Amino acid sequence: MTTQQLSIFLENKPGQLVRVTQTLKEAQIDIRAMSLADTKDFGIVRMIVSETDKAQEVMRENGFMSTITKVMCIAMDDHPGGLSKITELMAQADVNIDYLYACITEIGKNAYIVMHVDKEATAEKVLQEAGIKMVSTADIAKS
């Protein structure tokens, strides 16, 4: 099961992120998870949003270059070692984690990690066999 992620490419200068967040606010799109990575000149904002296609459309209308990527969103127990279990499973299956970021919905419930891997089918199989739940874009939008 995969989730859609919106990646937005920005110049690394003041005010760019506020333009992104204001654009989404005006379009009534909720941000469910977000990561920002930068280089000297550019940044990549990766987001799980309530309406991915609509978000990409409004980003493009406002002059931002963006892409939609399939990622895995995994519900894990919110306690010490929850993430360690998942990274250990990936390493044992020879799956490389290209990047990941996390978000928490309610304290004491599940935490979610968004993960992009090099062997999606293998990762999905390993997680299913371990009884680890993956969630869809629709599931995240409800939380």
C-alpha atoms as a PDB file:
ATOM      1  CA  MET A   1       0.000   0.000   0.000  1.00  0.00           C
ATOM      2  CA  THR A   2       1.392   3.350  -0.936  1.00  0.00           C
ATOM      3  CA  THR A   3       0.680   6.940  -0.078  1.00  0.00           C
ATOM      4  CA  GLN A   4       1.051   9.956  -2.339  1.00  0.00           C
ATOM      5  CA  GLN A   5       3.635  12.531  -1.354  1.00  0.00           C
ATOM      6  CA  LEU A   6       3.880  16.022  -2.803  1.00  0.00           C
ATOM      7  CA  SER A   7       7.436  17.300  -3.280  1.00  0.00           C
ATOM      8  CA  ILE A   8       7.888  21.008  -3.904  1.00  0.00           C
ATOM      9  CA  PHE A   9      11.178  22.511  -5.066  1.00  0.00           C
ATOM     10  CA  LEU A  10      12.069  25.925  -3.642  1.00  0.00           C
ATOM     11  CA  GLU A  11      14.805  28.484  -3.857  1.00  0.00           C
ATOM     12  CA  ASN A  12      16.622  28.544  -0.530  1.00  0.00           C
ATOM     13  CA  LYS A  13      15.743  32.092   0.462  1.00  0.00           C
ATOM     14  CA  PRO A  14      13.500  33.805   3.022  1.00  0.00           C
ATOM     15  CA  GLY A  15       9.774  33.749   2.379  1.00  0.00           C
ATOM     16  CA  GLN A  16       9.560  30.690   0.135  1.00  0.00           C
ATOM     17  CA  LEU A  17       8.097  28.357   2.727  1.00  0.00           C
ATOM     18  CA  VAL A  18       5.503  30.915   3.792  1.00  0.00           C
ATOM     19  CA  ARG A  19       4.376  31.152   0.153  1.00  0.00           C
ATOM     20  CA  VAL A  20       3.883  27.377   0.098  1.00  0.00           C
ATOM     21  CA  THR A  21       1.972  27.241   3.377  1.00  0.00           C
ATOM     22  CA  GLN A  22      -0.203  30.244   2.490  1.00  0.00           C
ATOM     23  CA  THR A  23      -1.035  28.741  -0.893  1.00  0.00           C
ATOM     24  CA  LEU A  24      -2.169  25.515   0.756  1.00  0.00           C
ATOM     25  CA  LYS A  25      -4.089  27.450   3.414  1.00  0.00           C
ATOM     26  CA  GLU A  26      -5.978  29.433   0.762  1.00  0.00           C
ATOM     27  CA  ALA A  27      -6.829  26.193  -1.052  1.00  0.00           C
ATOM     28  CA  GLN A  28      -8.095  24.646   2.228  1.00  0.00           C
ATOM     29  CA  ILE A  29      -5.565  21.800   2.043  1.00  0.00           C
ATOM     30  CA  ASP A  30      -4.307  20.273   5.299  1.00  0.00           C
ATOM     31  CA  ILE A  31      -0.674  19.303   5.793  1.00  0.00           C
ATOM     32  CA  ARG A  32      -0.493  15.928   7.570  1.00  0.00           C
ATOM     33  CA  ALA A  33       3.279  15.405   7.536  1.00  0.00           C
ATOM     34  CA  MET A  34       6.167  17.487   6.259  1.00  0.00           C
ATOM     35  CA  SER A  35       9.907  17.397   5.787  1.00  0.00           C
ATOM     36  CA  LEU A  36      12.210  20.133   4.538  1.00  0.00           C
ATOM     37  CA  ALA A  37      15.699  19.394   3.246  1.00  0.00           C
ATOM     38  CA  ASP A  38      18.047  21.954   1.790  1.00  0.00           C
ATOM     39  CA  THR A  39      21.203  22.534  -0.137  1.00  0.00           C
ATOM     40  CA  LYS A  40      22.953  25.859  -0.492  1.00  0.00           C
ATOM     41  CA  ASP A  41      20.647  27.121  -3.245  1.00  0.00           C
ATOM     42  CA  PHE A  42      17.533  24.933  -3.217  1.00  0.00           C
ATOM     43  CA  GLY A  43      15.229  23.051  -0.885  1.00  0.00           C
ATOM     44  CA  ILE A  44      12.771  20.215  -1.213  1.00  0.00           C
ATOM     45  CA  VAL A  45       9.600  20.239   0.848  1.00  0.00           C
ATOM     46  CA  ARG A  46       8.056  16.787   1.070  1.00  0.00           C
ATOM     47  CA  MET A  47       4.465  16.653   2.300  1.00  0.00           C
ATOM     48  CA  ILE A  48       1.574  14.353   2.872  1.00  0.00           C
ATOM     49  CA  VAL A  49      -1.493  16.519   2.341  1.00  0.00           C
ATOM     50  CA  SER A  50      -5.248  16.022   2.445  1.00  0.00           C
ATOM     51  CA  GLU A  51      -5.697  16.471  -1.331  1.00  0.00           C
ATOM     52  CA  THR A  52      -2.504  15.680  -3.238  1.00  0.00           C
ATOM     53  CA  ASP A  53      -3.664  16.341  -6.805  1.00  0.00           C
ATOM     54  CA  LYS A  54      -5.354  19.614  -5.866  1.00  0.00           C
ATOM     55  CA  ALA A  55      -2.240  20.676  -3.928  1.00  0.00           C
ATOM     56  CA  GLN A  56      -0.004  20.011  -6.919  1.00  0.00           C
ATOM     57  CA  GLU A  57      -2.347  21.979  -9.156  1.00  0.00           C
ATOM     58  CA  VAL A  58      -2.347  25.051  -6.880  1.00  0.00           C
ATOM     59  CA  MET A  59       1.415  24.839  -6.432  1.00  0.00           C
ATOM     60  CA  ARG A  60       1.923  24.881 -10.202  1.00  0.00           C
ATOM     61  CA  GLU A  61      -0.581  27.718 -10.600  1.00  0.00           C
ATOM     62  CA  ASN A  62       1.549  29.701  -8.136  1.00  0.00           C
ATOM     63  CA  GLY A  63       4.828  29.061  -9.953  1.00  0.00           C
ATOM     64  CA  PHE A  64       6.212  26.151  -7.913  1.00  0.00           C
ATOM     65  CA  MET A  65       7.717  23.074  -9.497  1.00  0.00           C
ATOM     66  CA  SER A  66       6.344  19.952  -7.827  1.00  0.00           C
ATOM     67  CA  THR A  67       6.066  16.204  -8.252  1.00  0.00           C
ATOM     68  CA  ILE A  68       3.960  13.450  -6.762  1.00  0.00           C
ATOM     69  CA  THR A  69       5.840  10.402  -5.508  1.00  0.00           C
ATOM     70  CA  LYS A  70       4.656   7.081  -4.122  1.00  0.00           C
ATOM     71  CA  VAL A  71       5.883   6.507  -0.568  1.00  0.00           C
ATOM     72  CA  MET A  72       4.977   4.129   2.230  1.00  0.00           C
ATOM     73  CA  CYS A  73       3.257   5.409   5.342  1.00  0.00           C
ATOM     74  CA  ILE A  74       3.638   3.053   8.249  1.00  0.00           C
ATOM     75  CA  ALA A  75       1.745   3.049  11.537  1.00  0.00           C
ATOM     76  CA  MET A  76       4.068   2.045  14.338  1.00  0.00           C
ATOM     77  CA  ASP A  77       3.723   1.746  18.074  1.00  0.00           C
ATOM     78  CA  ASP A  78       4.539   5.032  19.774  1.00  0.00           C
ATOM     79  CA  HIS A  79       7.146   3.836  22.254  1.00  0.00           C
ATOM     80  CA  PRO A  80      10.938   3.618  22.423  1.00  0.00           C
ATOM     81  CA  GLY A  81      12.163   1.123  19.831  1.00  0.00           C
ATOM     82  CA  GLY A  82       9.209   1.414  17.450  1.00  0.00           C
ATOM     83  CA  LEU A  83      11.311   2.910  14.663  1.00  0.00           C
ATOM     84  CA  SER A  84      14.269   0.656  15.435  1.00  0.00           C
ATOM     85  CA  LYS A  85      12.120  -2.414  14.706  1.00  0.00           C
ATOM     86  CA  ILE A  86      11.189  -1.090  11.263  1.00  0.00           C
ATOM     87  CA  THR A  87      14.726  -0.058  10.291  1.00  0.00           C
ATOM     88  CA  GLU A  88      15.999  -3.452  11.452  1.00  0.00           C
ATOM     89  CA  LEU A  89      13.438  -5.249   9.282  1.00  0.00           C
ATOM     90  CA  MET A  90      14.464  -3.176   6.260  1.00  0.00           C
ATOM     91  CA  ALA A  91      18.172  -3.855   6.834  1.00  0.00           C
ATOM     92  CA  GLN A  92      17.579  -7.603   7.196  1.00  0.00           C
ATOM     93  CA  ALA A  93      15.657  -7.599   3.886  1.00  0.00           C
ATOM     94  CA  ASP A  94      18.412  -5.578   2.151  1.00  0.00           C
ATOM     95  CA  VAL A  95      16.021  -2.669   1.555  1.00  0.00           C
ATOM     96  CA  ASN A  96      17.635   0.755   1.452  1.00  0.00           C
ATOM     97  CA  ILE A  97      15.692   3.590   3.056  1.00  0.00           C
ATOM     98  CA  ASP A  98      16.226   6.577   0.768  1.00  0.00           C
ATOM     99  CA  TYR A  99      14.607   8.950   3.260  1.00  0.00           C
ATOM    100  CA  LEU A 100      11.991   9.009   5.970  1.00  0.00           C
ATOM    101  CA  TYR A 101      10.213  11.462   8.194  1.00  0.00           C
ATOM    102  CA  ALA A 102       7.757  11.073  11.008  1.00  0.00           C
ATOM    103  CA  CYS A 103       4.628  12.538  12.524  1.00  0.00           C
ATOM    104  CA  ILE A 104       2.519  11.746  15.563  1.00  0.00           C
ATOM    105  CA  THR A 105      -1.253  11.981  15.639  1.00  0.00           C
ATOM    106  CA  GLU A 106      -2.251  11.521  19.286  1.00  0.00           C
ATOM    107  CA  ILE A 107       0.194  10.852  22.076  1.00  0.00           C
ATOM    108  CA  GLY A 108      -0.090   7.247  23.205  1.00  0.00           C
ATOM    109  CA  LYS A 109      -1.580   6.065  19.921  1.00  0.00           C
ATOM    110  CA  ASN A 110       0.294   5.329  16.716  1.00  0.00           C
ATOM    111  CA  ALA A 111       3.139   7.324  15.306  1.00  0.00           C
ATOM    112  CA  TYR A 112       3.478   7.366  11.535  1.00  0.00           C
ATOM    113  CA  ILE A 113       6.588   7.321   9.424  1.00  0.00           C
ATOM    114  CA  VAL A 114       6.694   8.210   5.778  1.00  0.00           C
ATOM    115  CA  MET A 115       9.363   6.183   4.035  1.00  0.00           C
ATOM    116  CA  HIS A 116      10.749   6.008   0.511  1.00  0.00           C
ATOM    117  CA  VAL A 117      12.681   2.825  -0.245  1.00  0.00           C
ATOM    118  CA  ASP A 118      14.513   1.277  -3.163  1.00  0.00           C
ATOM    119  CA  LYS A 119      12.595  -2.042  -3.071  1.00  0.00           C
ATOM    120  CA  GLU A 120       8.978  -1.152  -2.388  1.00  0.00           C
ATOM    121  CA  ALA A 121       7.482  -4.630  -2.969  1.00  0.00           C
ATOM    122  CA  THR A 122      10.048  -6.278  -0.690  1.00  0.00           C
ATOM    123  CA  ALA A 123       9.523  -3.669   2.015  1.00  0.00           C
ATOM    124  CA  GLU A 124       5.753  -4.072   1.844  1.00  0.00           C
ATOM    125  CA  LYS A 125       6.000  -7.863   2.114  1.00  0.00           C
ATOM    126  CA  VAL A 126       8.375  -7.704   5.090  1.00  0.00           C
ATOM    127  CA  LEU A 127       6.157  -5.225   6.932  1.00  0.00           C
ATOM    128  CA  GLN A 128       3.013  -7.285   6.288  1.00  0.00           C
ATOM    129  CA  GLU A 129       4.705 -10.455   7.521  1.00  0.00           C
ATOM    130  CA  ALA A 130       5.729  -8.607  10.702  1.00  0.00           C
ATOM    131  CA  GLY A 131       2.138  -7.440  11.263  1.00  0.00           C
ATOM    132  CA  ILE A 132       3.026  -3.775  10.761  1.00  0.00           C
ATOM    133  CA  LYS A 133       0.173  -1.721   9.332  1.00  0.00           C
ATOM    134  CA  MET A 134       0.608   0.545   6.335  1.00  0.00           C
ATOM    135  CA  VAL A 135      -1.850   3.355   5.790  1.00  0.00           C
ATOM    136  CA  SER A 136      -3.150   5.067   2.677  1.00  0.00           C
ATOM    137  CA  THR A 137      -3.409   8.733   1.779  1.00  0.00           C
ATOM    138  CA  ALA A 138      -7.140   8.550   2.621  1.00  0.00           C
ATOM    139  CA  ASP A 139      -6.387   7.074   6.066  1.00  0.00           C
ATOM    140  CA  ILE A 140      -3.971   9.907   6.827  1.00  0.00           C
ATOM    141  CA  ALA A 141      -6.441  12.550   5.664  1.00  0.00           C
ATOM    142  CA  LYS A 142      -8.956  11.247   8.240  1.00  0.00           C
ATOM    143  CA  SER A 143      -6.556  11.483  11.205  1.00  0.00           C
END
